[in-house]
């Protein structure tokens, strides 16, 4: 069940929300709920991306396994061109350089 939350908006922002909501055939309330939901979804995706990157970094520091930039881009370009390129070969980075 939805709960009630009160927002105090500056008059200028409230006017903008009302005008824009009318332009997309929504109530100001529906417009704000949708805007908040979109922001939450975006921020959750960003958090997941950063968490994945941190896990990847920790894995790299532990194993030293990586791929060269050139090899990865060559593979990506081949895939996007509809080809079946050879997968990049992993390299082992010495512990001192991790």
PDB file of N, CA and C in Angstrom:
ATOM      1  N   UNK A   1       0.851  -1.184   0.000  1.00  0.00           N
ATOM      2  CA  UNK A   1       0.000   0.000   0.000  1.00  0.00           C
ATOM      3  C   UNK A   1       0.891   1.240   0.000  1.00  0.00           C
ATOM      4  N   UNK A   2       0.616   2.178  -0.879  1.00  0.00           N
ATOM      5  CA  UNK A   2       1.419   3.402  -0.947  1.00  0.00           C
ATOM      6  C   UNK A   2       1.303   4.222   0.331  1.00  0.00           C
ATOM      7  N   UNK A   3       2.400   4.843   0.687  1.00  0.00           N
ATOM      8  CA  UNK A   3       2.372   5.745   1.837  1.00  0.00           C
ATOM      9  C   UNK A   3       2.481   7.179   1.336  1.00  0.00           C
ATOM     10  N   UNK A   4       2.083   8.095   2.178  1.00  0.00           N
ATOM     11  CA  UNK A   4       2.071   9.510   1.813  1.00  0.00           C
ATOM     12  C   UNK A   4       3.382  10.157   2.216  1.00  0.00           C
ATOM     13  N   UNK A   5       3.943  10.920   1.296  1.00  0.00           N
ATOM     14  CA  UNK A   5       5.147  11.701   1.547  1.00  0.00           C
ATOM     15  C   UNK A   5       4.876  13.110   1.075  1.00  0.00           C
ATOM     16  N   UNK A   6       5.302  14.048   1.842  1.00  0.00           N
ATOM     17  CA  UNK A   6       5.072  15.441   1.491  1.00  0.00           C
ATOM     18  C   UNK A   6       6.350  16.043   0.922  1.00  0.00           C
ATOM     19  N   UNK A   7       6.228  16.749  -0.200  1.00  0.00           N
ATOM     20  CA  UNK A   7       7.370  17.430  -0.815  1.00  0.00           C
ATOM     21  C   UNK A   7       7.126  18.926  -0.794  1.00  0.00           C
ATOM     22  N   UNK A   8       8.124  19.657  -0.375  1.00  0.00           N
ATOM     23  CA  UNK A   8       8.041  21.114  -0.438  1.00  0.00           C
ATOM     24  C   UNK A   8       8.863  21.555  -1.634  1.00  0.00           C
ATOM     25  N   UNK A   9       8.166  22.023  -2.651  1.00  0.00           N
ATOM     26  CA  UNK A   9       8.831  22.444  -3.879  1.00  0.00           C
ATOM     27  C   UNK A   9       8.874  23.957  -3.961  1.00  0.00           C
ATOM     28  N   UNK A  10       9.980  24.490  -4.455  1.00  0.00           N
ATOM     29  CA  UNK A  10       9.994  25.924  -4.735  1.00  0.00           C
ATOM     30  C   UNK A  10       8.908  26.224  -5.779  1.00  0.00           C
ATOM     31  N   UNK A  11       8.308  27.392  -5.673  1.00  0.00           N
ATOM     32  CA  UNK A  11       7.215  27.751  -6.580  1.00  0.00           C
ATOM     33  C   UNK A  11       7.596  27.588  -8.052  1.00  0.00           C
ATOM     34  N   UNK A  12       8.814  27.987  -8.399  1.00  0.00           N
ATOM     35  CA  UNK A  12       9.249  27.899  -9.789  1.00  0.00           C
ATOM     36  C   UNK A  12       9.280  26.449 -10.273  1.00  0.00           C
ATOM     37  N   UNK A  13       9.782  25.559  -9.430  1.00  0.00           N
ATOM     38  CA  UNK A  13       9.826  24.146  -9.801  1.00  0.00           C
ATOM     39  C   UNK A  13       8.418  23.562  -9.889  1.00  0.00           C
ATOM     40  N   UNK A  14       7.561  23.928  -8.953  1.00  0.00           N
ATOM     41  CA  UNK A  14       6.180  23.448  -8.961  1.00  0.00           C
ATOM     42  C   UNK A  14       5.471  23.863 -10.243  1.00  0.00           C
ATOM     43  N   UNK A  15       5.691  25.094 -10.669  1.00  0.00           N
ATOM     44  CA  UNK A  15       5.091  25.585 -11.915  1.00  0.00           C
ATOM     45  C   UNK A  15       5.617  24.801 -13.118  1.00  0.00           C
ATOM     46  N   UNK A  16       6.913  24.538 -13.135  1.00  0.00           N
ATOM     47  CA  UNK A  16       7.501  23.767 -14.239  1.00  0.00           C
ATOM     48  C   UNK A  16       6.918  22.358 -14.289  1.00  0.00           C
ATOM     49  N   UNK A  17       6.795  21.716 -13.124  1.00  0.00           N
ATOM     50  CA  UNK A  17       6.237  20.370 -13.061  1.00  0.00           C
ATOM     51  C   UNK A  17       4.805  20.384 -13.597  1.00  0.00           C
ATOM     52  N   UNK A  18       4.010  21.336 -13.179  1.00  0.00           N
ATOM     53  CA  UNK A  18       2.623  21.418 -13.635  1.00  0.00           C
ATOM     54  C   UNK A  18       2.541  21.597 -15.144  1.00  0.00           C
ATOM     55  N   UNK A  19       3.366  22.493 -15.676  1.00  0.00           N
ATOM     56  CA  UNK A  19       3.360  22.752 -17.110  1.00  0.00           C
ATOM     57  C   UNK A  19       3.794  21.518 -17.894  1.00  0.00           C
ATOM     58  N   UNK A  20       4.892  20.893 -17.466  1.00  0.00           N
ATOM     59  CA  UNK A  20       5.389  19.712 -18.166  1.00  0.00           C
ATOM     60  C   UNK A  20       4.441  18.529 -18.036  1.00  0.00           C
ATOM     61  N   UNK A  21       3.819  18.359 -16.883  1.00  0.00           N
ATOM     62  CA  UNK A  21       2.874  17.262 -16.682  1.00  0.00           C
ATOM     63  C   UNK A  21       1.682  17.405 -17.624  1.00  0.00           C
ATOM     64  N   UNK A  22       1.190  18.611 -17.788  1.00  0.00           N
ATOM     65  CA  UNK A  22       0.081  18.843 -18.724  1.00  0.00           C
ATOM     66  C   UNK A  22       0.500  18.477 -20.143  1.00  0.00           C
ATOM     67  N   UNK A  23       1.756  18.779 -20.498  1.00  0.00           N
ATOM     68  CA  UNK A  23       2.256  18.503 -21.840  1.00  0.00           C
ATOM     69  C   UNK A  23       2.340  17.024 -22.168  1.00  0.00           C
ATOM     70  N   UNK A  24       2.386  16.178 -21.153  1.00  0.00           N
ATOM     71  CA  UNK A  24       2.438  14.732 -21.384  1.00  0.00           C
ATOM     72  C   UNK A  24       1.181  14.044 -20.838  1.00  0.00           C
ATOM     73  N   UNK A  25       0.134  14.823 -20.632  1.00  0.00           N
ATOM     74  CA  UNK A  25      -1.176  14.324 -20.187  1.00  0.00           C
ATOM     75  C   UNK A  25      -1.088  13.529 -18.882  1.00  0.00           C
ATOM     76  N   UNK A  26      -0.383  14.089 -17.906  1.00  0.00           N
ATOM     77  CA  UNK A  26      -0.286  13.466 -16.591  1.00  0.00           C
ATOM     78  C   UNK A  26      -0.654  14.501 -15.539  1.00  0.00           C
ATOM     79  N   UNK A  27      -0.992  14.001 -14.386  1.00  0.00           N
ATOM     80  CA  UNK A  27      -1.151  14.903 -13.260  1.00  0.00           C
ATOM     81  C   UNK A  27       0.241  15.253 -12.746  1.00  0.00           C
ATOM     82  N   UNK A  28       0.377  16.389 -12.070  1.00  0.00           N
ATOM     83  CA  UNK A  28       1.689  16.694 -11.478  1.00  0.00           C
ATOM     84  C   UNK A  28       2.164  15.582 -10.538  1.00  0.00           C
ATOM     85  N   UNK A  29       1.239  14.985  -9.795  1.00  0.00           N
ATOM     86  CA  UNK A  29       1.603  13.893  -8.886  1.00  0.00           C
ATOM     87  C   UNK A  29       2.191  12.717  -9.660  1.00  0.00           C
ATOM     88  N   UNK A  30       1.510  12.282 -10.713  1.00  0.00           N
ATOM     89  CA  UNK A  30       1.989  11.149 -11.513  1.00  0.00           C
ATOM     90  C   UNK A  30       3.334  11.481 -12.150  1.00  0.00           C
ATOM     91  N   UNK A  31       3.492  12.706 -12.590  1.00  0.00           N
ATOM     92  CA  UNK A  31       4.740  13.155 -13.203  1.00  0.00           C
ATOM     93  C   UNK A  31       5.894  13.052 -12.206  1.00  0.00           C
ATOM     94  N   UNK A  32       5.663  13.509 -10.980  1.00  0.00           N
ATOM     95  CA  UNK A  32       6.710  13.469  -9.956  1.00  0.00           C
ATOM     96  C   UNK A  32       7.024  12.031  -9.540  1.00  0.00           C
ATOM     97  N   UNK A  33       5.994  11.186  -9.414  1.00  0.00           N
ATOM     98  CA  UNK A  33       6.224   9.787  -9.043  1.00  0.00           C
ATOM     99  C   UNK A  33       7.067   9.109 -10.124  1.00  0.00           C
ATOM    100  N   UNK A  34       6.722   9.355 -11.384  1.00  0.00           N
ATOM    101  CA  UNK A  34       7.481   8.766 -12.484  1.00  0.00           C
ATOM    102  C   UNK A  34       8.926   9.270 -12.502  1.00  0.00           C
ATOM    103  N   UNK A  35       9.094  10.571 -12.263  1.00  0.00           N
ATOM    104  CA  UNK A  35      10.444  11.145 -12.247  1.00  0.00           C
ATOM    105  C   UNK A  35      11.287  10.542 -11.120  1.00  0.00           C
ATOM    106  N   UNK A  36      10.698  10.364  -9.970  1.00  0.00           N
ATOM    107  CA  UNK A  36      11.429   9.782  -8.839  1.00  0.00           C
ATOM    108  C   UNK A  36      11.761   8.316  -9.140  1.00  0.00           C
ATOM    109  N   UNK A  37      10.804   7.585  -9.709  1.00  0.00           N
ATOM    110  CA  UNK A  37      11.046   6.176 -10.036  1.00  0.00           C
ATOM    111  C   UNK A  37      12.172   6.047 -11.056  1.00  0.00           C
ATOM    112  N   UNK A  38      12.193   6.934 -12.058  1.00  0.00           N
ATOM    113  CA  UNK A  38      13.273   6.896 -13.056  1.00  0.00           C
ATOM    114  C   UNK A  38      14.621   7.190 -12.417  1.00  0.00           C
ATOM    115  N   UNK A  39      14.667   8.147 -11.514  1.00  0.00           N
ATOM    116  CA  UNK A  39      15.920   8.502 -10.834  1.00  0.00           C
ATOM    117  C   UNK A  39      16.410   7.352  -9.967  1.00  0.00           C
ATOM    118  N   UNK A  40      15.494   6.720  -9.258  1.00  0.00           N
ATOM    119  CA  UNK A  40      15.856   5.582  -8.407  1.00  0.00           C
ATOM    120  C   UNK A  40      16.416   4.449  -9.270  1.00  0.00           C
ATOM    121  N   UNK A  41      15.756   4.143 -10.384  1.00  0.00           N
ATOM    122  CA  UNK A  41      16.224   3.075 -11.269  1.00  0.00           C
ATOM    123  C   UNK A  41      17.609   3.402 -11.815  1.00  0.00           C
ATOM    124  N   UNK A  42      17.822   4.656 -12.208  1.00  0.00           N
ATOM    125  CA  UNK A  42      19.127   5.063 -12.735  1.00  0.00           C
ATOM    126  C   UNK A  42      20.211   4.929 -11.673  1.00  0.00           C
ATOM    127  N   UNK A  43      19.904   5.393 -10.462  1.00  0.00           N
ATOM    128  CA  UNK A  43      20.897   5.322  -9.388  1.00  0.00           C
ATOM    129  C   UNK A  43      21.183   3.883  -8.972  1.00  0.00           C
ATOM    130  N   UNK A  44      20.169   3.006  -9.026  1.00  0.00           N
ATOM    131  CA  UNK A  44      20.405   1.592  -8.734  1.00  0.00           C
ATOM    132  C   UNK A  44      21.317   0.977  -9.783  1.00  0.00           C
ATOM    133  N   UNK A  45      21.101   1.319 -11.047  1.00  0.00           N
ATOM    134  CA  UNK A  45      21.972   0.807 -12.114  1.00  0.00           C
ATOM    135  C   UNK A  45      23.397   1.306 -11.936  1.00  0.00           C
ATOM    136  N   UNK A  46      23.550   2.574 -11.584  1.00  0.00           N
ATOM    137  CA  UNK A  46      24.882   3.132 -11.365  1.00  0.00           C
ATOM    138  C   UNK A  46      25.569   2.416 -10.204  1.00  0.00           C
ATOM    139  N   UNK A  47      24.838   2.184  -9.127  1.00  0.00           N
ATOM    140  CA  UNK A  47      25.411   1.495  -7.961  1.00  0.00           C
ATOM    141  C   UNK A  47      25.836   0.079  -8.346  1.00  0.00           C
ATOM    142  N   UNK A  48      24.994  -0.623  -9.105  1.00  0.00           N
ATOM    143  CA  UNK A  48      25.330  -1.981  -9.538  1.00  0.00           C
ATOM    144  C   UNK A  48      26.570  -1.968 -10.433  1.00  0.00           C
ATOM    145  N   UNK A  49      26.669  -0.965 -11.315  1.00  0.00           N
ATOM    146  CA  UNK A  49      27.824  -0.837 -12.193  1.00  0.00           C
ATOM    147  C   UNK A  49      29.108  -0.643 -11.380  1.00  0.00           C
ATOM    148  N   UNK A  50      29.054   0.252 -10.402  1.00  0.00           N
ATOM    149  CA  UNK A  50      30.226   0.521  -9.558  1.00  0.00           C
ATOM    150  C   UNK A  50      30.571  -0.720  -8.730  1.00  0.00           C
ATOM    151  N   UNK A  51      29.559  -1.387  -8.192  1.00  0.00           N
ATOM    152  CA  UNK A  51      29.811  -2.615  -7.416  1.00  0.00           C
ATOM    153  C   UNK A  51      30.472  -3.681  -8.286  1.00  0.00           C
ATOM    154  N   UNK A  52      29.982  -3.845  -9.527  1.00  0.00           N
ATOM    155  CA  UNK A  52      30.586  -4.806 -10.453  1.00  0.00           C
ATOM    156  C   UNK A  52      32.035  -4.436 -10.755  1.00  0.00           C
ATOM    157  N   UNK A  53      32.271  -3.138 -10.963  1.00  0.00           N
ATOM    158  CA  UNK A  53      33.635  -2.679 -11.248  1.00  0.00           C
ATOM    159  C   UNK A  53      34.561  -2.958 -10.065  1.00  0.00           C
ATOM    160  N   UNK A  54      34.085  -2.716  -8.865  1.00  0.00           N
ATOM    161  CA  UNK A  54      34.914  -2.978  -7.678  1.00  0.00           C
ATOM    162  C   UNK A  54      35.208  -4.465  -7.513  1.00  0.00           C
ATOM    163  N   UNK A  55      34.199  -5.312  -7.790  1.00  0.00           N
ATOM    164  CA  UNK A  55      34.435  -6.763  -7.722  1.00  0.00           C
ATOM    165  C   UNK A  55      35.447  -7.181  -8.785  1.00  0.00           C
ATOM    166  N   UNK A  56      35.325  -6.608  -9.957  1.00  0.00           N
ATOM    167  CA  UNK A  56      36.257  -6.919 -11.040  1.00  0.00           C
ATOM    168  C   UNK A  56      37.683  -6.496 -10.667  1.00  0.00           C
ATOM    169  N   UNK A  57      37.814  -5.321 -10.075  1.00  0.00           N
ATOM    170  CA  UNK A  57      39.133  -4.843  -9.657  1.00  0.00           C
ATOM    171  C   UNK A  57      39.735  -5.764  -8.601  1.00  0.00           C
ATOM    172  N   UNK A  58      38.928  -6.182  -7.645  1.00  0.00           N
ATOM    173  CA  UNK A  58      39.426  -7.081  -6.604  1.00  0.00           C
ATOM    174  C   UNK A  58      39.849  -8.422  -7.211  1.00  0.00           C
ATOM    175  N   UNK A  59      39.081  -8.900  -8.181  1.00  0.00           N
ATOM    176  CA  UNK A  59      39.426 -10.144  -8.858  1.00  0.00           C
ATOM    177  C   UNK A  59      40.743  -9.989  -9.608  1.00  0.00           C
ATOM    178  N   UNK A  60      40.909  -8.860 -10.291  1.00  0.00           N
ATOM    179  CA  UNK A  60      42.163  -8.596 -11.004  1.00  0.00           C
ATOM    180  C   UNK A  60      43.341  -8.537 -10.030  1.00  0.00           C
ATOM    181  N   UNK A  61      43.162  -7.828  -8.916  1.00  0.00           N
ATOM    182  CA  UNK A  61      44.252  -7.733  -7.940  1.00  0.00           C
ATOM    183  C   UNK A  61      44.625  -9.098  -7.376  1.00  0.00           C
ATOM    184  N   UNK A  62      43.631  -9.961  -7.229  1.00  0.00           N
ATOM    185  CA  UNK A  62      43.884 -11.304  -6.694  1.00  0.00           C
ATOM    186  C   UNK A  62      44.548 -12.200  -7.733  1.00  0.00           C
ATOM    187  N   UNK A  63      44.064 -12.158  -8.983  1.00  0.00           N
ATOM    188  CA  UNK A  63      44.536 -13.107  -9.990  1.00  0.00           C
ATOM    189  C   UNK A  63      45.586 -12.544 -10.943  1.00  0.00           C
ATOM    190  N   UNK A  64      45.530 -11.236 -11.192  1.00  0.00           N
ATOM    191  CA  UNK A  64      46.445 -10.618 -12.153  1.00  0.00           C
ATOM    192  C   UNK A  64      46.049 -10.842 -13.597  1.00  0.00           C
ATOM    193  N   UNK A  65      44.900 -11.456 -13.819  1.00  0.00           N
ATOM    194  CA  UNK A  65      44.454 -11.734 -15.183  1.00  0.00           C
ATOM    195  C   UNK A  65      43.747 -10.506 -15.747  1.00  0.00           C
ATOM    196  N   UNK A  66      44.175 -10.118 -16.958  1.00  0.00           N
ATOM    197  CA  UNK A  66      43.605  -8.940 -17.613  1.00  0.00           C
ATOM    198  C   UNK A  66      43.650  -9.141 -19.119  1.00  0.00           C
ATOM    199  N   UNK A  67      43.099  -8.169 -19.845  1.00  0.00           N
ATOM    200  CA  UNK A  67      43.096  -8.187 -21.305  1.00  0.00           C
ATOM    201  C   UNK A  67      43.599  -6.831 -21.780  1.00  0.00           C
ATOM    202  N   UNK A  68      44.337  -6.824 -22.878  1.00  0.00           N
ATOM    203  CA  UNK A  68      44.838  -5.551 -23.380  1.00  0.00           C
ATOM    204  C   UNK A  68      43.713  -4.781 -24.056  1.00  0.00           C
ATOM    205  N   UNK A  69      43.820  -3.482 -23.975  1.00  0.00           N
ATOM    206  CA  UNK A  69      42.827  -2.590 -24.566  1.00  0.00           C
ATOM    207  C   UNK A  69      42.677  -2.860 -26.060  1.00  0.00           C
ATOM    208  N   UNK A  70      43.797  -2.953 -26.748  1.00  0.00           N
ATOM    209  CA  UNK A  70      43.753  -3.167 -28.197  1.00  0.00           C
ATOM    210  C   UNK A  70      43.063  -4.472 -28.573  1.00  0.00           C
ATOM    211  N   UNK A  71      43.358  -5.538 -27.837  1.00  0.00           N
ATOM    212  CA  UNK A  71      42.747  -6.830 -28.137  1.00  0.00           C
ATOM    213  C   UNK A  71      41.228  -6.794 -27.900  1.00  0.00           C
ATOM    214  N   UNK A  72      40.817  -6.155 -26.824  1.00  0.00           N
ATOM    215  CA  UNK A  72      39.386  -6.073 -26.517  1.00  0.00           C
ATOM    216  C   UNK A  72      38.659  -5.261 -27.582  1.00  0.00           C
ATOM    217  N   UNK A  73      39.220  -4.120 -27.962  1.00  0.00           N
ATOM    218  CA  UNK A  73      38.563  -3.282 -28.983  1.00  0.00           C
ATOM    219  C   UNK A  73      38.533  -3.982 -30.337  1.00  0.00           C
ATOM    220  N   UNK A  74      39.569  -4.711 -30.662  1.00  0.00           N
ATOM    221  CA  UNK A  74      39.588  -5.467 -31.910  1.00  0.00           C
ATOM    222  C   UNK A  74      38.443  -6.489 -31.909  1.00  0.00           C
ATOM    223  N   UNK A  75      38.247  -7.145 -30.777  1.00  0.00           N
ATOM    224  CA  UNK A  75      37.172  -8.130 -30.640  1.00  0.00           C
ATOM    225  C   UNK A  75      35.805  -7.451 -30.759  1.00  0.00           C
ATOM    226  N   UNK A  76      35.621  -6.340 -30.055  1.00  0.00           N
ATOM    227  CA  UNK A  76      34.336  -5.625 -30.081  1.00  0.00           C
ATOM    228  C   UNK A  76      34.025  -5.126 -31.486  1.00  0.00           C
ATOM    229  N   UNK A  77      35.016  -4.554 -32.151  1.00  0.00           N
ATOM    230  CA  UNK A  77      34.800  -4.065 -33.523  1.00  0.00           C
ATOM    231  C   UNK A  77      34.403  -5.210 -34.454  1.00  0.00           C
ATOM    232  N   UNK A  78      35.041  -6.338 -34.303  1.00  0.00           N
ATOM    233  CA  UNK A  78      34.706  -7.493 -35.126  1.00  0.00           C
ATOM    234  C   UNK A  78      33.281  -7.965 -34.873  1.00  0.00           C
ATOM    235  N   UNK A  79      32.886  -8.037 -33.599  1.00  0.00           N
ATOM    236  CA  UNK A  79      31.528  -8.468 -33.253  1.00  0.00           C
ATOM    237  C   UNK A  79      30.486  -7.509 -33.815  1.00  0.00           C
ATOM    238  N   UNK A  80      30.721  -6.208 -33.654  1.00  0.00           N
ATOM    239  CA  UNK A  80      29.745  -5.228 -34.146  1.00  0.00           C
ATOM    240  C   UNK A  80      29.684  -5.194 -35.667  1.00  0.00           C
ATOM    241  N   UNK A  81      30.731  -5.665 -36.329  1.00  0.00           N
ATOM    242  CA  UNK A  81      30.738  -5.735 -37.796  1.00  0.00           C
ATOM    243  C   UNK A  81      30.100  -7.028 -38.291  1.00  0.00           C
ATOM    244  N   UNK A  82      29.604  -7.846 -37.356  1.00  0.00           N
ATOM    245  CA  UNK A  82      28.946  -9.087 -37.745  1.00  0.00           C
ATOM    246  C   UNK A  82      29.897 -10.233 -38.012  1.00  0.00           C
ATOM    247  N   UNK A  83      31.158 -10.069 -37.638  1.00  0.00           N
ATOM    248  CA  UNK A  83      32.144 -11.124 -37.850  1.00  0.00           C
ATOM    249  C   UNK A  83      32.210 -12.028 -36.625  1.00  0.00           C
ATOM    250  N   UNK A  84      33.009 -13.062 -36.713  1.00  0.00           N
ATOM    251  CA  UNK A  84      33.214 -13.981 -35.596  1.00  0.00           C
ATOM    252  C   UNK A  84      34.686 -13.910 -35.181  1.00  0.00           C
ATOM    253  N   UNK A  85      35.080 -12.810 -34.519  1.00  0.00           N
ATOM    254  CA  UNK A  85      36.495 -12.629 -34.192  1.00  0.00           C
ATOM    255  C   UNK A  85      36.967 -13.588 -33.102  1.00  0.00           C
ATOM    256  N   UNK A  86      38.272 -13.780 -33.079  1.00  0.00           N
ATOM    257  CA  UNK A  86      38.885 -14.607 -32.040  1.00  0.00           C
ATOM    258  C   UNK A  86      38.806 -13.849 -30.714  1.00  0.00           C
ATOM    259  N   UNK A  87      38.465 -14.553 -29.652  1.00  0.00           N
ATOM    260  CA  UNK A  87      38.364 -13.908 -28.339  1.00  0.00           C
ATOM    261  C   UNK A  87      39.743 -13.434 -27.894  1.00  0.00           C
ATOM    262  N   UNK A  88      39.790 -12.302 -27.172  1.00  0.00           N
ATOM    263  CA  UNK A  88      41.088 -11.816 -26.680  1.00  0.00           C
ATOM    264  C   UNK A  88      41.725 -12.830 -25.736  1.00  0.00           C
ATOM    265  N   UNK A  89      43.038 -12.896 -25.786  1.00  0.00           N
ATOM    266  CA  UNK A  89      43.766 -13.803 -24.892  1.00  0.00           C
ATOM    267  C   UNK A  89      44.113 -13.050 -23.610  1.00  0.00           C
ATOM    268  N   UNK A  90      43.885 -13.680 -22.472  1.00  0.00           N
ATOM    269  CA  UNK A  90      44.223 -13.024 -21.211  1.00  0.00           C
ATOM    270  C   UNK A  90      45.736 -12.937 -21.031  1.00  0.00           C
ATOM    271  N   UNK A  91      46.136 -11.908 -20.306  1.00  0.00           N
ATOM    272  CA  UNK A  91      47.548 -11.761 -19.935  1.00  0.00           C
ATOM    273  C   UNK A  91      47.640 -11.808 -18.414  1.00  0.00           C
ATOM    274  N   UNK A  92      48.787 -12.129 -17.930  1.00  0.00           N
ATOM    275  CA  UNK A  92      49.011 -12.176 -16.481  1.00  0.00           C
ATOM    276  C   UNK A  92      49.890 -10.990 -16.111  1.00  0.00           C
ATOM    277  N   UNK A  93      49.354 -10.092 -15.298  1.00  0.00           N
ATOM    278  CA  UNK A  93      50.086  -8.904 -14.857  1.00  0.00           C
ATOM    279  C   UNK A  93      50.843  -9.268 -13.589  1.00  0.00           C
ATOM    280  N   UNK A  94      52.136  -8.961 -13.549  1.00  0.00           N
ATOM    281  CA  UNK A  94      52.917  -9.275 -12.340  1.00  0.00           C
ATOM    282  C   UNK A  94      52.333  -8.609 -11.092  1.00  0.00           C
ATOM    283  N   UNK A  95      52.443  -9.271  -9.983  1.00  0.00           N
ATOM    284  CA  UNK A  95      51.883  -8.774  -8.714  1.00  0.00           C
ATOM    285  C   UNK A  95      52.336  -7.341  -8.405  1.00  0.00           C
ATOM    286  N   UNK A  96      53.553  -7.014  -8.726  1.00  0.00           N
ATOM    287  CA  UNK A  96      54.097  -5.673  -8.432  1.00  0.00           C
ATOM    288  C   UNK A  96      53.399  -4.564  -9.231  1.00  0.00           C
ATOM    289  N   UNK A  97      52.746  -4.926 -10.337  1.00  0.00           N
ATOM    290  CA  UNK A  97      52.085  -3.926 -11.202  1.00  0.00           C
ATOM    291  C   UNK A  97      50.572  -3.885 -11.015  1.00  0.00           C
ATOM    292  N   UNK A  98      50.042  -4.646 -10.065  1.00  0.00           N
ATOM    293  CA  UNK A  98      48.592  -4.690  -9.855  1.00  0.00           C
ATOM    294  C   UNK A  98      48.223  -3.565  -8.987  1.00  0.00           C
TER     295      UNK A  98
END
